Amino acid sequence: MTLRGQILRGQLVTGGRLLSDGVVEISGDRVVWAGPASQRTDPLPERAAAGTTIIPGLVDVHCHGAGGFGFPEADEFGSTVAADHHRTNGTTSVIGSLVSAPPQILRSRIELLAGLVDEGTLAGIHLEGPFLSVLRCGAQDPDSILDGDPALLESLLEAGRGHIRSMTIAPETAHFDELASLLERHGAVVSIGHTDASNPIATRSIAHSAHAPLSATHLFNGMAPMHHRAPGAVAACLAAAAKGQMVVELVGDGVHLADETVATVFDLVGPHQIALVSDAMAAAGMPDGRYPLGPLDVDVVGGVARLAGQGETAIAGGTSRLMDIVRRAVNHAGVDLLSAVIAATATPASLMGLAGMVGDLVPGCRADLIVTGPELETRAVMAAGNWLMNYTES
């Protein structure tokens, strides 16, 4: 790809299309034009080298940290390091995820992250708990999981000052309907997850919230396996996604899900109902070792995170970045490039109420983009019109 000022030319993902020869023009921190090169009458840079693609900056709606620091436990400096790590690796919009913790700790963590949203470091906050199923808590601290408590939720939402964009809740928790309605009134997405709910209970919870944006937290993980006589929450979520009622998160890192599972869900529900997520924790971008995840310690061996000292227990978050997951979806799961990009950009942006601001390269959107090579390797990242990685064509 060749750059001339802030005009970029190459294979381009824009407005839900993949253009073989496209142009995107940046002015300040905004996209001012995007489309086929053939529609421009002014002199343009030369066509890009084969395999070079420009895609929107990624939007990760489920991310606990990176670079040695996690949002559930790090201070402001560490949380900023974590967000910056993801940004320089192509995730230009990060929703900071917390885990179940005692109420006073949750409130203090929310207040800290809300300040980072005010600064533009984070795009919002995701609460993964505490109203979850102890039976499907995964790497969450079971002692911190509580029955649904609308008064507690109200206080957490107040601490977030409008920055809580989503919350994971088990459908079987107490007062589910009241909790879901409260989240919806505050503009936060209800996300079903960490649940042992039967199919009828999960289906009912989806029906209650189907009039508002709704998601499933890391589909398959933290849920009972789907069985032909006990389809559970997995089948309920897949059915809802197929009907356009729900977006399902997929941690397509080759650890949480098999590549074939990722491919199957794309075939069944399509990219507009899928949000690829990293579920990354402090170890993302770091060597194997011991790292925190809220109040618990996690050992990372061979890039796989599990609770410390408990052997082959539940996976304790991810160690990949979202661009790693997009790359794997295309190169290993066989998902087409456009679908993988949509599921990591436009779909999560729309889910979080950020459509028209981020997640696409169309006029008016923030100038967030990634320049990738033939194997989808990251060659450059731009955030709000500023290059975070300098691009040199090779």
Protein backbone atom coordinates (compact mmCIF):
# COMPACT_ATOMS: atom_id res chain seq x y z
CA MET A 1 0.00 0.00 0.00
CA THR A 2 1.15 3.52 -0.70
CA LEU A 3 0.43 6.53 1.51
CA ARG A 4 0.19 10.12 0.33
CA GLY A 5 -0.57 12.33 3.28
CA GLN A 6 -3.65 10.74 4.81
CA ILE A 7 -4.91 9.02 1.65
CA LEU A 8 -4.53 5.24 1.77
CA ARG A 9 -5.06 2.88 -1.12
CA GLY A 10 -5.28 -0.91 -1.10
CA GLN A 11 -7.72 -3.77 -0.69
CA LEU A 12 -10.25 -2.19 1.64
CA VAL A 13 -13.04 -3.26 3.99
CA THR A 14 -15.64 -0.49 4.12
CA GLY A 15 -19.39 -0.39 4.67
CA GLY A 16 -19.71 -4.17 4.76
CA ARG A 17 -17.89 -4.59 1.43
CA LEU A 18 -14.45 -5.87 0.46
CA LEU A 19 -13.04 -3.69 -2.34
CA SER A 20 -10.12 -5.06 -4.31
CA ASP A 21 -8.87 -1.53 -4.99
CA GLY A 22 -10.18 0.97 -2.49
CA VAL A 23 -9.28 4.36 -1.09
CA VAL A 24 -9.82 5.78 2.38
CA GLU A 25 -9.14 9.45 3.08
CA ILE A 26 -8.48 10.77 6.58
CA SER A 27 -8.82 14.36 7.81
CA GLY A 28 -7.84 14.95 11.40
CA ASP A 29 -9.30 12.09 13.43
CA ARG A 30 -12.12 11.24 10.99
CA VAL A 31 -12.71 9.30 7.81
CA VAL A 32 -13.94 11.76 5.16
CA TRP A 33 -14.15 9.45 2.15
CA ALA A 34 -14.02 5.72 1.46
CA GLY A 35 -14.84 3.76 -1.66
CA PRO A 36 -13.52 2.29 -4.90
CA ALA A 37 -10.44 3.95 -6.34
CA SER A 38 -12.27 4.10 -9.68
CA GLN A 39 -14.64 6.72 -8.23
CA ARG A 40 -11.84 9.19 -7.56
CA THR A 41 -10.88 11.66 -10.27
CA ASP A 42 -7.87 13.15 -8.49
CA PRO A 43 -4.36 11.69 -8.69
CA LEU A 44 -4.00 8.75 -6.29
CA PRO A 45 -1.17 6.73 -4.81
CA GLU A 46 -0.21 3.64 -6.77
CA ARG A 47 -2.11 0.39 -6.15
CA ALA A 48 -1.06 -1.61 -3.13
CA ALA A 49 1.16 -4.66 -3.24
CA ALA A 50 -0.81 -7.89 -3.55
CA GLY A 51 -2.24 -9.12 -0.26
CA THR A 52 -2.18 -5.76 1.49
CA THR A 53 -5.52 -4.96 3.13
CA ILE A 54 -6.88 -1.99 5.08
CA ILE A 55 -9.47 -2.93 7.70
CA PRO A 56 -11.26 -0.96 10.44
CA GLY A 57 -9.74 -0.85 13.91
CA LEU A 58 -11.06 -3.77 15.94
CA VAL A 59 -13.65 -3.57 18.73
CA ASP A 60 -13.22 -6.01 21.63
CA VAL A 61 -16.26 -6.21 23.90
CA HIS A 62 -14.78 -8.80 26.29
CA CYS A 63 -11.23 -8.06 27.44
CA HIS A 64 -9.69 -8.36 30.92
CA GLY A 65 -6.20 -7.03 30.22
CA ALA A 66 -2.80 -7.57 28.59
CA GLY A 67 0.87 -6.74 28.89
CA GLY A 68 1.12 -8.06 32.44
CA PHE A 69 -1.81 -6.04 33.82
CA GLY A 70 -5.51 -6.82 34.22
CA PHE A 71 -8.50 -4.50 34.54
CA PRO A 72 -9.91 -6.46 37.52
CA GLU A 73 -6.86 -5.72 39.71
CA ALA A 74 -4.41 -3.21 38.17
CA ASP A 75 -4.11 0.44 39.13
CA GLU A 76 -4.68 3.27 36.65
CA PHE A 77 -1.18 2.95 35.22
CA GLY A 78 -1.43 -0.81 34.74
CA SER A 79 -4.92 -0.58 33.24
CA THR A 80 -3.64 2.01 30.77
CA VAL A 81 -0.72 -0.25 29.82
CA ALA A 82 -3.18 -3.09 29.17
CA ALA A 83 -5.44 -0.94 26.99
CA ASP A 84 -2.47 0.50 25.10
CA HIS A 85 -1.13 -2.99 24.41
CA HIS A 86 -4.38 -3.94 22.71
CA ARG A 87 -4.56 -0.64 20.86
CA THR A 88 -1.07 -0.98 19.35
CA ASN A 89 -2.02 -4.50 18.24
CA GLY A 90 -5.09 -3.27 16.36
CA THR A 91 -7.90 -3.23 18.92
CA THR A 92 -8.61 0.48 18.87
CA SER A 93 -11.81 0.18 20.95
CA VAL A 94 -11.54 -1.86 24.15
CA ILE A 95 -14.36 -2.61 26.56
CA GLY A 96 -12.66 -3.27 29.90
CA SER A 97 -14.03 -6.42 31.55
CA LEU A 98 -14.19 -7.06 35.30
CA VAL A 99 -14.82 -10.35 37.11
CA SER A 100 -16.89 -11.29 40.15
CA ALA A 101 -15.62 -9.66 43.33
CA PRO A 102 -17.05 -8.41 46.64
CA PRO A 103 -19.36 -5.43 46.09
CA GLN A 104 -17.01 -2.83 47.56
CA ILE A 105 -14.17 -3.99 45.35
CA LEU A 106 -16.40 -4.03 42.27
CA ARG A 107 -17.49 -0.47 42.95
CA SER A 108 -13.91 0.74 43.30
CA ARG A 109 -12.85 -1.06 40.10
CA ILE A 110 -15.80 0.40 38.20
CA GLU A 111 -14.94 3.91 39.41
CA LEU A 112 -11.32 3.51 38.27
CA LEU A 113 -12.27 2.21 34.82
CA ALA A 114 -14.96 4.87 34.42
CA GLY A 115 -12.19 7.45 34.66
CA LEU A 116 -10.32 5.70 31.86
CA VAL A 117 -13.47 5.81 29.72
CA ASP A 118 -13.69 9.54 30.38
CA GLU A 119 -10.10 9.87 29.12
CA GLY A 120 -10.79 7.80 26.00
CA THR A 121 -8.46 4.98 27.05
CA LEU A 122 -11.38 2.53 27.21
CA ALA A 123 -14.63 2.47 25.24
CA GLY A 124 -16.70 1.19 28.14
CA ILE A 125 -16.97 -1.34 30.96
CA HIS A 126 -18.22 -4.93 30.95
CA LEU A 127 -19.23 -6.63 34.21
CA GLU A 128 -18.72 -10.39 34.06
CA GLY A 129 -20.56 -11.17 37.27
CA PRO A 130 -21.28 -11.39 40.13
CA PHE A 131 -24.78 -12.74 39.29
CA LEU A 132 -23.56 -16.01 37.78
CA SER A 133 -23.93 -19.75 38.31
CA VAL A 134 -21.47 -21.27 40.79
CA LEU A 135 -21.83 -24.52 38.84
CA ARG A 136 -20.48 -22.81 35.70
CA CYS A 137 -18.22 -20.21 37.27
CA GLY A 138 -15.14 -21.28 35.30
CA ALA A 139 -12.18 -19.23 36.56
CA GLN A 140 -14.40 -16.83 38.52
CA ASP A 141 -14.09 -16.82 42.31
CA PRO A 142 -17.09 -18.87 43.55
CA ASP A 143 -17.04 -17.02 46.89
CA SER A 144 -17.72 -13.76 45.04
CA ILE A 145 -20.74 -15.01 43.08
CA LEU A 146 -24.04 -13.69 44.43
CA ASP A 147 -27.73 -14.18 43.80
CA GLY A 148 -29.27 -11.49 41.66
CA ASP A 149 -29.64 -8.29 43.68
CA PRO A 150 -31.30 -5.31 41.92
CA ALA A 151 -30.25 -2.86 44.66
CA LEU A 152 -26.60 -3.89 44.30
CA LEU A 153 -26.83 -3.62 40.52
CA GLU A 154 -28.28 -0.12 40.84
CA SER A 155 -25.31 0.93 42.97
CA LEU A 156 -22.83 -0.55 40.49
CA LEU A 157 -24.50 1.25 37.61
CA GLU A 158 -24.34 4.51 39.55
CA ALA A 159 -20.61 3.96 40.13
CA GLY A 160 -20.17 3.49 36.39
CA ARG A 161 -21.66 6.90 35.55
CA GLY A 162 -23.18 5.61 32.30
CA HIS A 163 -20.02 3.80 31.17
CA ILE A 164 -21.16 0.23 31.88
CA ARG A 165 -22.04 -1.05 28.43
CA SER A 166 -22.74 -4.72 29.19
CA MET A 167 -23.13 -7.25 31.99
CA THR A 168 -22.99 -11.03 32.00
CA ILE A 169 -25.85 -12.61 33.96
CA ALA A 170 -26.93 -16.24 34.40
CA PRO A 171 -30.61 -16.61 33.39
CA GLU A 172 -31.30 -18.74 36.47
CA THR A 173 -30.13 -16.09 38.95
CA ALA A 174 -32.69 -14.50 41.26
CA HIS A 175 -34.61 -11.50 39.90
CA PHE A 176 -33.30 -12.00 36.35
CA ASP A 177 -36.16 -10.09 34.75
CA GLU A 178 -35.70 -7.11 37.08
CA LEU A 179 -31.94 -7.10 36.56
CA ALA A 180 -32.33 -7.25 32.78
CA SER A 181 -34.86 -4.42 32.75
CA LEU A 182 -32.59 -2.31 34.95
CA LEU A 183 -29.63 -2.82 32.61
CA GLU A 184 -31.75 -1.96 29.60
CA ARG A 185 -32.93 1.28 31.22
CA HIS A 186 -29.30 2.24 31.74
CA GLY A 187 -28.40 1.43 28.14
CA ALA A 188 -26.34 -1.64 29.02
CA VAL A 189 -26.44 -4.90 27.06
CA VAL A 190 -27.69 -8.02 28.83
CA SER A 191 -25.25 -10.85 28.11
CA ILE A 192 -26.23 -14.40 29.01
CA GLY A 193 -23.37 -16.50 30.31
CA HIS A 194 -21.72 -18.57 33.05
CA THR A 195 -24.99 -20.44 33.25
CA ASP A 196 -26.27 -23.94 33.93
CA ALA A 197 -29.76 -22.99 32.78
CA SER A 198 -31.97 -25.45 30.97
CA ASN A 199 -33.06 -24.66 27.44
CA PRO A 200 -36.55 -23.46 28.51
CA ILE A 201 -35.10 -21.09 31.14
CA ALA A 202 -32.48 -19.72 28.74
CA THR A 203 -35.09 -19.32 25.99
CA ARG A 204 -37.40 -17.43 28.37
CA SER A 205 -34.61 -15.06 29.40
CA ILE A 206 -33.80 -14.36 25.77
CA ALA A 207 -37.45 -13.67 24.99
CA HIS A 208 -37.61 -11.21 27.89
CA SER A 209 -34.70 -9.20 26.48
CA ALA A 210 -35.14 -9.77 22.74
CA HIS A 211 -36.48 -6.22 22.20
CA ALA A 212 -33.08 -4.75 23.21
CA PRO A 213 -29.47 -5.49 22.23
CA LEU A 214 -28.61 -8.90 23.68
CA SER A 215 -25.54 -11.12 23.64
CA ALA A 216 -24.15 -14.44 24.84
CA THR A 217 -20.89 -14.31 26.77
CA HIS A 218 -18.25 -16.55 25.13
CA LEU A 219 -20.74 -19.04 23.67
CA PHE A 220 -20.07 -22.68 24.67
CA ASN A 221 -17.62 -21.66 27.42
CA GLY A 222 -19.17 -21.40 30.88
CA MET A 223 -22.24 -23.31 29.68
CA ALA A 224 -23.36 -26.92 29.81
CA PRO A 225 -22.35 -28.78 26.63
CA MET A 226 -25.18 -29.06 24.12
CA HIS A 227 -26.69 -32.57 24.20
CA HIS A 228 -29.37 -33.85 21.88
CA ARG A 229 -31.69 -34.53 24.83
CA ALA A 230 -30.56 -31.52 26.87
CA PRO A 231 -29.79 -28.69 24.43
CA GLY A 232 -29.33 -26.13 27.20
CA ALA A 233 -28.35 -22.50 26.84
CA VAL A 234 -26.06 -23.15 23.87
CA ALA A 235 -28.93 -24.21 21.63
CA ALA A 236 -31.15 -21.40 22.88
CA CYS A 237 -28.47 -18.82 22.05
CA LEU A 238 -27.74 -20.28 18.62
CA ALA A 239 -31.43 -20.29 17.77
CA ALA A 240 -31.82 -16.68 18.89
CA ALA A 241 -28.77 -15.60 16.91
CA ALA A 242 -30.09 -17.35 13.80
CA LYS A 243 -33.29 -15.31 14.17
CA GLY A 244 -31.35 -12.07 14.58
CA GLN A 245 -32.28 -11.68 18.24
CA MET A 246 -28.84 -12.07 19.77
CA VAL A 247 -25.12 -11.62 19.13
CA VAL A 248 -22.95 -14.53 20.30
CA GLU A 249 -19.37 -13.99 21.43
CA LEU A 250 -16.76 -16.45 20.18
CA VAL A 251 -13.27 -16.76 21.69
CA GLY A 252 -11.83 -18.27 18.50
CA ASP A 253 -8.27 -18.66 19.75
CA GLY A 254 -7.93 -22.42 19.16
CA VAL A 255 -8.04 -22.99 22.94
CA HIS A 256 -11.53 -21.97 24.01
CA LEU A 257 -13.06 -23.34 20.80
CA ALA A 258 -12.03 -25.68 18.01
CA ASP A 259 -11.60 -23.98 14.66
CA GLU A 260 -14.36 -26.17 13.27
CA THR A 261 -16.74 -24.86 15.93
CA VAL A 262 -15.98 -21.29 14.93
CA ALA A 263 -16.57 -22.14 11.26
CA THR A 264 -19.87 -23.86 12.08
CA VAL A 265 -21.25 -20.89 14.02
CA PHE A 266 -20.34 -18.52 11.17
CA ASP A 267 -22.15 -20.84 8.76
CA LEU A 268 -25.21 -21.06 11.03
CA VAL A 269 -25.78 -17.44 12.09
CA GLY A 270 -23.48 -15.25 9.97
CA PRO A 271 -21.06 -12.47 10.94
CA HIS A 272 -23.72 -9.90 11.84
CA GLN A 273 -24.71 -12.06 14.84
CA ILE A 274 -21.16 -12.90 15.97
CA ALA A 275 -18.73 -10.84 18.01
CA LEU A 276 -15.24 -12.25 17.98
CA VAL A 277 -13.68 -11.49 21.37
CA SER A 278 -10.32 -12.07 23.00
CA ASP A 279 -11.35 -12.65 26.64
CA ALA A 280 -7.70 -11.63 27.11
CA MET A 281 -6.26 -11.38 30.61
CA ALA A 282 -3.00 -9.98 31.96
CA ALA A 283 -0.88 -12.65 30.23
CA ALA A 284 -1.87 -11.57 26.70
CA GLY A 285 1.30 -10.58 24.86
CA MET A 286 3.45 -11.97 27.68
CA PRO A 287 5.54 -15.15 28.22
CA ASP A 288 4.28 -18.16 30.17
CA GLY A 289 4.16 -17.65 33.93
CA ARG A 290 1.85 -16.73 36.79
CA TYR A 291 -0.56 -13.81 36.45
CA PRO A 292 -3.54 -12.41 38.38
CA LEU A 293 -7.18 -12.60 37.33
CA GLY A 294 -9.04 -10.59 39.93
CA PRO A 295 -8.52 -12.31 43.31
CA LEU A 296 -7.21 -15.55 41.77
CA ASP A 297 -3.83 -16.59 40.40
CA VAL A 298 -3.52 -18.05 36.92
CA ASP A 299 -0.71 -20.16 35.48
CA VAL A 300 -0.04 -19.83 31.77
CA VAL A 301 1.63 -22.86 30.20
CA GLY A 302 2.05 -23.09 26.45
CA GLY A 303 -0.08 -19.97 26.07
CA VAL A 304 -3.04 -21.59 27.88
CA ALA A 305 -4.26 -19.94 31.10
CA ARG A 306 -5.67 -22.06 33.93
CA LEU A 307 -6.23 -21.48 37.64
CA ALA A 308 -2.98 -21.92 39.54
CA GLY A 309 -2.39 -25.20 41.34
CA GLN A 310 -5.55 -26.87 40.03
CA GLY A 311 -4.26 -28.83 37.05
CA GLU A 312 -6.49 -29.15 33.99
CA THR A 313 -9.22 -26.89 35.33
CA ALA A 314 -11.34 -24.40 33.44
CA ILE A 315 -9.62 -22.03 31.03
CA ALA A 316 -8.91 -18.78 32.85
CA GLY A 317 -9.23 -16.19 30.10
CA GLY A 318 -7.32 -15.77 26.85
CA THR A 319 -3.75 -14.89 25.93
CA SER A 320 -4.45 -13.83 22.34
CA ARG A 321 -5.24 -10.37 21.01
CA LEU A 322 -8.31 -9.84 18.85
CA MET A 323 -6.25 -9.50 15.66
CA ASP A 324 -4.74 -12.92 16.45
CA ILE A 325 -8.28 -14.29 16.58
CA VAL A 326 -9.32 -12.64 13.30
CA ARG A 327 -6.21 -14.10 11.67
CA ARG A 328 -6.97 -17.55 13.05
CA ALA A 329 -10.60 -17.40 11.90
CA VAL A 330 -9.43 -16.79 8.32
CA ASN A 331 -6.26 -18.89 8.18
CA HIS A 332 -7.38 -21.88 10.29
CA ALA A 333 -11.19 -21.90 10.51
CA GLY A 334 -11.66 -20.96 6.86
CA VAL A 335 -13.93 -18.00 7.56
CA ASP A 336 -13.85 -15.51 4.69
CA LEU A 337 -11.95 -12.30 5.38
CA LEU A 338 -14.94 -9.96 5.15
CA SER A 339 -17.00 -12.03 7.59
CA ALA A 340 -14.17 -12.28 10.11
CA VAL A 341 -13.57 -8.53 9.97
CA ILE A 342 -17.28 -7.69 10.35
CA ALA A 343 -17.47 -9.94 13.41
CA ALA A 344 -14.55 -8.08 15.01
CA THR A 345 -15.60 -4.56 14.03
CA ALA A 346 -19.09 -3.58 12.85
CA THR A 347 -21.04 -6.21 14.80
CA PRO A 348 -19.50 -5.54 18.24
CA ALA A 349 -19.62 -1.79 17.61
CA SER A 350 -23.33 -1.99 16.85
CA LEU A 351 -23.94 -4.22 19.88
CA MET A 352 -22.33 -1.66 22.17
CA GLY A 353 -24.16 1.29 20.63
CA LEU A 354 -21.02 2.58 18.90
CA ALA A 355 -22.12 2.18 15.27
CA GLY A 356 -21.30 5.25 13.20
CA MET A 357 -18.46 6.12 15.57
CA VAL A 358 -16.10 3.13 15.34
CA GLY A 359 -16.03 -0.31 13.74
CA ASP A 360 -16.13 0.81 10.10
CA LEU A 361 -14.28 2.92 7.57
CA VAL A 362 -17.01 5.20 6.30
CA PRO A 363 -17.30 9.02 6.38
CA GLY A 364 -17.83 10.32 9.89
CA CYS A 365 -16.27 7.37 11.68
CA ARG A 366 -13.19 7.81 13.80
CA ALA A 367 -10.07 7.13 11.77
CA ASP A 368 -9.13 3.78 13.34
CA LEU A 369 -7.61 1.23 10.97
CA ILE A 370 -5.13 -1.59 10.52
CA VAL A 371 -2.91 -2.25 7.53
CA THR A 372 -2.34 -5.99 7.13
CA GLY A 373 -0.10 -8.12 4.94
CA PRO A 374 -0.77 -11.27 2.89
CA GLU A 375 -1.06 -13.49 6.00
CA LEU A 376 -3.06 -10.84 7.85
CA GLU A 377 0.03 -9.85 9.81
CA THR A 378 -0.28 -6.37 11.28
CA ARG A 379 1.90 -3.85 9.46
CA ALA A 380 0.52 -0.60 10.84
CA VAL A 381 -2.19 0.67 13.18
CA MET A 382 -3.91 4.05 13.14
CA ALA A 383 -6.06 5.31 16.03
CA ALA A 384 -8.02 8.56 15.74
CA GLY A 385 -5.90 9.60 12.75
CA ASN A 386 -2.56 8.95 14.47
CA TRP A 387 -0.17 6.20 13.44
CA LEU A 388 0.69 3.91 16.35
CA MET A 389 2.88 1.74 14.17
CA ASN A 390 4.75 3.33 11.29
CA TYR A 391 4.07 1.67 7.98
CA THR A 392 6.83 0.68 5.58
CA GLU A 393 5.85 -1.27 2.49
CA SER A 394 7.79 -4.48 1.92
